[in-house]
Amino acid sequence: QVQLVESGGGLVQPGGSLRLSCVASGFAINMYLMSWVRQAPGKGIEWVSNIYSGLDTTHYADSVKGRFTISRDNAKNTLYLQMNDLKPDDTAVYYCQRPIDGIRGQGTQVTVSS
């Protein structure tokens, strides 16, 4: 059974950092394009970042470029999102997603507030 479970969210002050984790089961994440997406209160889903299989090419939304880093640990079958210099506009529920079929986890809440 394919499953994604996110963790690592929380309340952080502006300028702070968090690292989100997404543990995958039922498939090998290194064989798939994997993404992080987010949904802010009252808004639609926003794509944040991709990491491609093979060469581990990464892409980022302009809003997070230079602040967020996507990575994965194939041995742990886990996807990560390192978030630095967080801003209030980063407040959202963050989901890891397998884009080929849209499977997402339950999400983890990130709140950036002083």
N, C-alpha and C. Protein backbone atom coordinates (compact mmCIF):
# COMPACT_ATOMS: atom_id res chain seq x y z
N GLN A 1 0.84 -1.19 0.00
CA GLN A 1 0.00 0.00 0.00
C GLN A 1 0.89 1.25 0.00
N VAL A 2 0.63 2.12 -0.94
CA VAL A 2 1.41 3.36 -1.04
C VAL A 2 0.95 4.34 0.04
N GLN A 3 1.91 4.85 0.80
CA GLN A 3 1.57 5.79 1.86
C GLN A 3 2.69 6.80 2.03
N LEU A 4 2.29 8.04 2.33
CA LEU A 4 3.23 9.12 2.62
C LEU A 4 2.83 9.73 3.95
N VAL A 5 3.79 9.90 4.85
CA VAL A 5 3.51 10.45 6.17
C VAL A 5 4.48 11.58 6.45
N GLU A 6 3.93 12.80 6.54
CA GLU A 6 4.75 13.99 6.80
C GLU A 6 4.86 14.26 8.29
N SER A 7 5.95 14.91 8.66
CA SER A 7 6.15 15.37 10.03
C SER A 7 7.14 16.53 10.03
N GLY A 8 7.28 17.17 11.20
CA GLY A 8 8.28 18.21 11.34
C GLY A 8 7.76 19.63 11.35
N GLY A 9 6.47 19.79 11.14
CA GLY A 9 5.91 21.13 11.17
C GLY A 9 5.85 21.68 12.60
N GLY A 10 5.44 22.94 12.70
CA GLY A 10 5.32 23.56 14.01
C GLY A 10 5.20 25.06 13.90
N LEU A 11 5.31 25.70 15.04
CA LEU A 11 5.27 27.16 15.13
C LEU A 11 6.70 27.69 15.21
N VAL A 12 7.02 28.63 14.36
CA VAL A 12 8.38 29.18 14.33
C VAL A 12 8.28 30.68 14.08
N GLN A 13 9.24 31.41 14.62
CA GLN A 13 9.27 32.86 14.42
C GLN A 13 9.82 33.19 13.03
N PRO A 14 9.46 34.34 12.50
CA PRO A 14 10.06 34.77 11.22
C PRO A 14 11.58 34.73 11.28
N GLY A 15 12.16 34.22 10.20
CA GLY A 15 13.61 34.06 10.17
C GLY A 15 14.09 32.71 10.66
N GLY A 16 13.20 31.94 11.24
CA GLY A 16 13.57 30.64 11.77
C GLY A 16 13.62 29.56 10.71
N SER A 17 13.90 28.34 11.16
CA SER A 17 14.06 27.20 10.27
C SER A 17 13.25 26.01 10.77
N LEU A 18 12.86 25.18 9.84
CA LEU A 18 12.24 23.89 10.12
C LEU A 18 12.69 22.90 9.06
N ARG A 19 12.71 21.63 9.42
CA ARG A 19 12.94 20.58 8.44
C ARG A 19 11.76 19.63 8.45
N LEU A 20 11.10 19.54 7.32
CA LEU A 20 9.99 18.62 7.17
C LEU A 20 10.50 17.28 6.65
N SER A 21 9.86 16.22 7.10
CA SER A 21 10.18 14.88 6.64
C SER A 21 8.92 14.22 6.08
N CYS A 22 9.14 13.34 5.13
CA CYS A 22 8.03 12.57 4.54
C CYS A 22 8.51 11.15 4.35
N VAL A 23 8.00 10.25 5.17
CA VAL A 23 8.38 8.84 5.08
C VAL A 23 7.43 8.14 4.11
N ALA A 24 8.00 7.49 3.12
CA ALA A 24 7.21 6.80 2.12
C ALA A 24 7.22 5.30 2.38
N SER A 25 6.13 4.65 2.07
CA SER A 25 6.05 3.19 2.14
C SER A 25 5.27 2.69 0.93
N GLY A 26 5.58 1.48 0.53
CA GLY A 26 4.88 0.86 -0.60
C GLY A 26 5.52 1.14 -1.95
N PHE A 27 6.54 1.98 -1.96
CA PHE A 27 7.26 2.27 -3.20
C PHE A 27 8.60 2.92 -2.85
N ALA A 28 9.50 2.95 -3.81
CA ALA A 28 10.82 3.56 -3.61
C ALA A 28 10.80 4.99 -4.16
N ILE A 29 11.06 5.96 -3.28
CA ILE A 29 10.94 7.36 -3.71
C ILE A 29 11.97 7.75 -4.75
N ASN A 30 13.09 7.04 -4.79
CA ASN A 30 14.12 7.41 -5.76
C ASN A 30 13.73 7.03 -7.18
N MET A 31 12.65 6.29 -7.35
CA MET A 31 12.21 5.89 -8.68
C MET A 31 11.19 6.85 -9.26
N TYR A 32 10.78 7.85 -8.48
CA TYR A 32 9.71 8.74 -8.88
C TYR A 32 10.10 10.21 -8.71
N LEU A 33 9.49 11.05 -9.55
CA LEU A 33 9.46 12.48 -9.27
C LEU A 33 8.65 12.69 -8.00
N MET A 34 9.20 13.42 -7.06
CA MET A 34 8.52 13.71 -5.80
C MET A 34 8.45 15.23 -5.61
N SER A 35 7.40 15.66 -4.95
CA SER A 35 7.18 17.10 -4.78
C SER A 35 6.78 17.44 -3.35
N TRP A 36 7.00 18.67 -3.01
CA TRP A 36 6.35 19.29 -1.85
C TRP A 36 5.38 20.34 -2.39
N VAL A 37 4.20 20.35 -1.81
CA VAL A 37 3.21 21.37 -2.13
C VAL A 37 2.68 21.91 -0.81
N ARG A 38 2.00 23.04 -0.85
CA ARG A 38 1.45 23.60 0.37
C ARG A 38 0.11 24.26 0.11
N GLN A 39 -0.65 24.42 1.18
CA GLN A 39 -1.94 25.08 1.09
C GLN A 39 -2.09 26.03 2.25
N ALA A 40 -2.09 27.31 1.94
CA ALA A 40 -2.28 28.33 2.95
C ALA A 40 -3.77 28.47 3.26
N PRO A 41 -4.09 29.02 4.42
CA PRO A 41 -5.51 29.17 4.79
C PRO A 41 -6.30 29.93 3.73
N GLY A 42 -7.39 29.35 3.28
CA GLY A 42 -8.26 30.00 2.32
C GLY A 42 -7.74 30.05 0.90
N LYS A 43 -6.65 29.35 0.63
CA LYS A 43 -6.07 29.38 -0.72
C LYS A 43 -5.96 27.97 -1.30
N GLY A 44 -5.63 27.90 -2.58
CA GLY A 44 -5.47 26.62 -3.23
C GLY A 44 -4.10 26.02 -3.00
N ILE A 45 -3.91 24.85 -3.57
CA ILE A 45 -2.63 24.16 -3.46
C ILE A 45 -1.57 24.91 -4.27
N GLU A 46 -0.41 25.12 -3.66
CA GLU A 46 0.71 25.79 -4.32
C GLU A 46 1.89 24.83 -4.40
N TRP A 47 2.44 24.64 -5.57
CA TRP A 47 3.63 23.83 -5.73
C TRP A 47 4.81 24.56 -5.11
N VAL A 48 5.67 23.81 -4.41
CA VAL A 48 6.83 24.37 -3.73
C VAL A 48 8.13 23.91 -4.37
N SER A 49 8.27 22.59 -4.55
CA SER A 49 9.55 22.07 -5.02
C SER A 49 9.38 20.67 -5.57
N ASN A 50 10.28 20.32 -6.51
CA ASN A 50 10.37 18.98 -7.08
C ASN A 50 11.76 18.44 -6.92
N ILE A 51 11.86 17.12 -6.82
CA ILE A 51 13.13 16.44 -6.96
C ILE A 51 12.90 15.26 -7.90
N TYR A 52 13.72 15.18 -8.93
CA TYR A 52 13.53 14.18 -9.96
C TYR A 52 14.33 12.92 -9.64
N SER A 53 13.87 11.81 -10.15
CA SER A 53 14.60 10.56 -9.99
C SER A 53 15.86 10.63 -10.85
N GLY A 54 16.77 9.71 -10.61
CA GLY A 54 17.98 9.67 -11.40
C GLY A 54 19.02 10.67 -10.93
N LEU A 55 19.12 11.81 -11.59
CA LEU A 55 20.17 12.78 -11.31
C LEU A 55 19.83 13.70 -10.14
N ASP A 56 18.66 13.52 -9.53
CA ASP A 56 18.26 14.35 -8.38
C ASP A 56 18.19 15.83 -8.72
N THR A 57 17.81 16.14 -9.92
CA THR A 57 17.58 17.53 -10.30
C THR A 57 16.45 18.09 -9.44
N THR A 58 16.62 19.35 -9.01
CA THR A 58 15.62 19.98 -8.17
C THR A 58 15.14 21.29 -8.80
N HIS A 59 13.88 21.62 -8.51
CA HIS A 59 13.30 22.89 -8.94
C HIS A 59 12.52 23.47 -7.78
N TYR A 60 12.43 24.81 -7.78
CA TYR A 60 11.76 25.50 -6.69
C TYR A 60 10.85 26.60 -7.22
N ALA A 61 9.78 26.83 -6.50
CA ALA A 61 8.96 28.00 -6.78
C ALA A 61 9.78 29.25 -6.47
N ASP A 62 9.52 30.32 -7.20
CA ASP A 62 10.28 31.56 -6.99
C ASP A 62 10.13 32.06 -5.54
N SER A 63 8.98 31.80 -4.95
CA SER A 63 8.71 32.30 -3.60
C SER A 63 9.59 31.66 -2.54
N VAL A 64 10.20 30.50 -2.84
CA VAL A 64 11.01 29.81 -1.83
C VAL A 64 12.45 29.62 -2.27
N LYS A 65 12.75 29.98 -3.50
CA LYS A 65 14.09 29.75 -4.04
C LYS A 65 15.13 30.46 -3.19
N GLY A 66 16.20 29.72 -2.87
CA GLY A 66 17.26 30.27 -2.04
C GLY A 66 17.04 30.11 -0.55
N ARG A 67 15.82 29.71 -0.17
CA ARG A 67 15.50 29.53 1.25
C ARG A 67 15.18 28.08 1.59
N PHE A 68 14.58 27.35 0.66
CA PHE A 68 14.18 25.97 0.89
C PHE A 68 15.08 25.03 0.09
N THR A 69 15.29 23.84 0.65
CA THR A 69 16.07 22.81 -0.04
C THR A 69 15.35 21.47 0.06
N ILE A 70 15.09 20.86 -1.07
CA ILE A 70 14.48 19.53 -1.10
C ILE A 70 15.59 18.50 -1.23
N SER A 71 15.41 17.38 -0.56
CA SER A 71 16.40 16.31 -0.64
C SER A 71 15.72 14.99 -0.28
N ARG A 72 16.44 13.91 -0.46
CA ARG A 72 15.90 12.62 -0.05
C ARG A 72 17.02 11.71 0.41
N ASP A 73 16.64 10.79 1.30
CA ASP A 73 17.52 9.74 1.79
C ASP A 73 16.94 8.43 1.29
N ASN A 74 17.57 7.87 0.27
CA ASN A 74 17.01 6.66 -0.34
C ASN A 74 17.02 5.48 0.63
N ALA A 75 18.02 5.40 1.46
CA ALA A 75 18.11 4.29 2.42
C ALA A 75 16.95 4.33 3.41
N LYS A 76 16.51 5.54 3.76
CA LYS A 76 15.39 5.69 4.69
C LYS A 76 14.07 5.88 3.96
N ASN A 77 14.13 5.92 2.62
CA ASN A 77 12.94 6.14 1.81
C ASN A 77 12.16 7.38 2.29
N THR A 78 12.90 8.44 2.54
CA THR A 78 12.35 9.64 3.15
C THR A 78 12.71 10.87 2.33
N LEU A 79 11.72 11.71 2.15
CA LEU A 79 11.86 13.00 1.47
C LEU A 79 11.93 14.09 2.52
N TYR A 80 12.75 15.11 2.26
CA TYR A 80 12.91 16.20 3.21
C TYR A 80 12.66 17.55 2.54
N LEU A 81 12.31 18.53 3.37
CA LEU A 81 12.28 19.91 2.93
C LEU A 81 12.88 20.75 4.05
N GLN A 82 14.09 21.24 3.81
CA GLN A 82 14.74 22.15 4.75
C GLN A 82 14.27 23.56 4.43
N MET A 83 13.69 24.22 5.41
CA MET A 83 13.13 25.55 5.22
C MET A 83 13.86 26.53 6.12
N ASN A 84 14.54 27.49 5.52
CA ASN A 84 15.28 28.51 6.27
C ASN A 84 14.68 29.88 6.00
N ASP A 85 15.00 30.83 6.87
CA ASP A 85 14.53 32.20 6.72
C ASP A 85 13.02 32.23 6.46
N LEU A 86 12.30 31.54 7.30
CA LEU A 86 10.85 31.44 7.11
C LEU A 86 10.17 32.78 7.28
N LYS A 87 9.11 32.96 6.50
CA LYS A 87 8.34 34.21 6.49
C LYS A 87 6.88 33.90 6.82
N PRO A 88 6.14 34.88 7.31
CA PRO A 88 4.71 34.62 7.61
C PRO A 88 3.95 34.06 6.40
N ASP A 89 4.32 34.47 5.19
CA ASP A 89 3.64 33.96 3.99
C ASP A 89 3.91 32.47 3.75
N ASP A 90 4.86 31.88 4.46
CA ASP A 90 5.11 30.45 4.34
C ASP A 90 4.15 29.62 5.19
N THR A 91 3.32 30.29 5.98
CA THR A 91 2.35 29.58 6.81
C THR A 91 1.39 28.80 5.93
N ALA A 92 1.31 27.49 6.16
CA ALA A 92 0.49 26.61 5.32
C ALA A 92 0.57 25.20 5.87
N VAL A 93 -0.29 24.35 5.34
CA VAL A 93 -0.14 22.91 5.52
C VAL A 93 0.73 22.41 4.37
N TYR A 94 1.78 21.71 4.72
CA TYR A 94 2.73 21.21 3.73
C TYR A 94 2.50 19.72 3.50
N TYR A 95 2.48 19.35 2.23
CA TYR A 95 2.26 17.97 1.84
C TYR A 95 3.39 17.50 0.93
N CYS A 96 3.80 16.25 1.12
CA CYS A 96 4.63 15.63 0.08
C CYS A 96 3.69 14.90 -0.87
N GLN A 97 4.09 14.83 -2.10
CA GLN A 97 3.20 14.33 -3.14
C GLN A 97 3.99 13.56 -4.18
N ARG A 98 3.36 12.49 -4.68
CA ARG A 98 3.89 11.78 -5.83
C ARG A 98 3.07 12.24 -7.03
N PRO A 99 3.63 13.13 -7.83
CA PRO A 99 2.82 13.79 -8.87
C PRO A 99 2.23 12.85 -9.92
N ILE A 100 2.86 11.71 -10.16
CA ILE A 100 2.36 10.87 -11.25
C ILE A 100 0.93 10.43 -11.02
N ASP A 101 0.52 10.32 -9.77
CA ASP A 101 -0.86 9.94 -9.48
C ASP A 101 -1.50 10.82 -8.42
N GLY A 102 -0.79 11.83 -7.98
CA GLY A 102 -1.38 12.78 -7.04
C GLY A 102 -1.48 12.32 -5.61
N ILE A 103 -0.89 11.19 -5.30
CA ILE A 103 -0.96 10.70 -3.93
C ILE A 103 -0.23 11.67 -3.00
N ARG A 104 -0.89 12.05 -1.91
CA ARG A 104 -0.32 12.96 -0.91
C ARG A 104 -0.47 12.37 0.47
N GLY A 105 0.33 12.87 1.38
CA GLY A 105 0.17 12.51 2.78
C GLY A 105 -0.91 13.33 3.43
N GLN A 106 -0.95 13.27 4.77
CA GLN A 106 -1.98 13.98 5.52
C GLN A 106 -1.60 15.43 5.78
N GLY A 107 -0.35 15.74 5.56
CA GLY A 107 0.13 17.11 5.70
C GLY A 107 0.67 17.40 7.09
N THR A 108 1.49 18.45 7.17
CA THR A 108 2.01 18.93 8.44
C THR A 108 1.91 20.45 8.45
N GLN A 109 1.42 20.99 9.56
CA GLN A 109 1.16 22.43 9.65
C GLN A 109 2.44 23.18 9.98
N VAL A 110 2.70 24.21 9.20
CA VAL A 110 3.80 25.14 9.48
C VAL A 110 3.19 26.52 9.70
N THR A 111 3.48 27.10 10.85
CA THR A 111 2.99 28.43 11.18
C THR A 111 4.17 29.32 11.50
N VAL A 112 4.28 30.42 10.78
CA VAL A 112 5.37 31.37 10.98
C VAL A 112 4.77 32.65 11.54
N SER A 113 5.08 32.90 12.79
CA SER A 113 4.47 34.05 13.46
C SER A 113 5.32 34.47 14.65
N SER A 114 5.32 35.77 14.91
CA SER A 114 6.02 36.26 16.09
C SER A 114 5.07 36.37 17.27
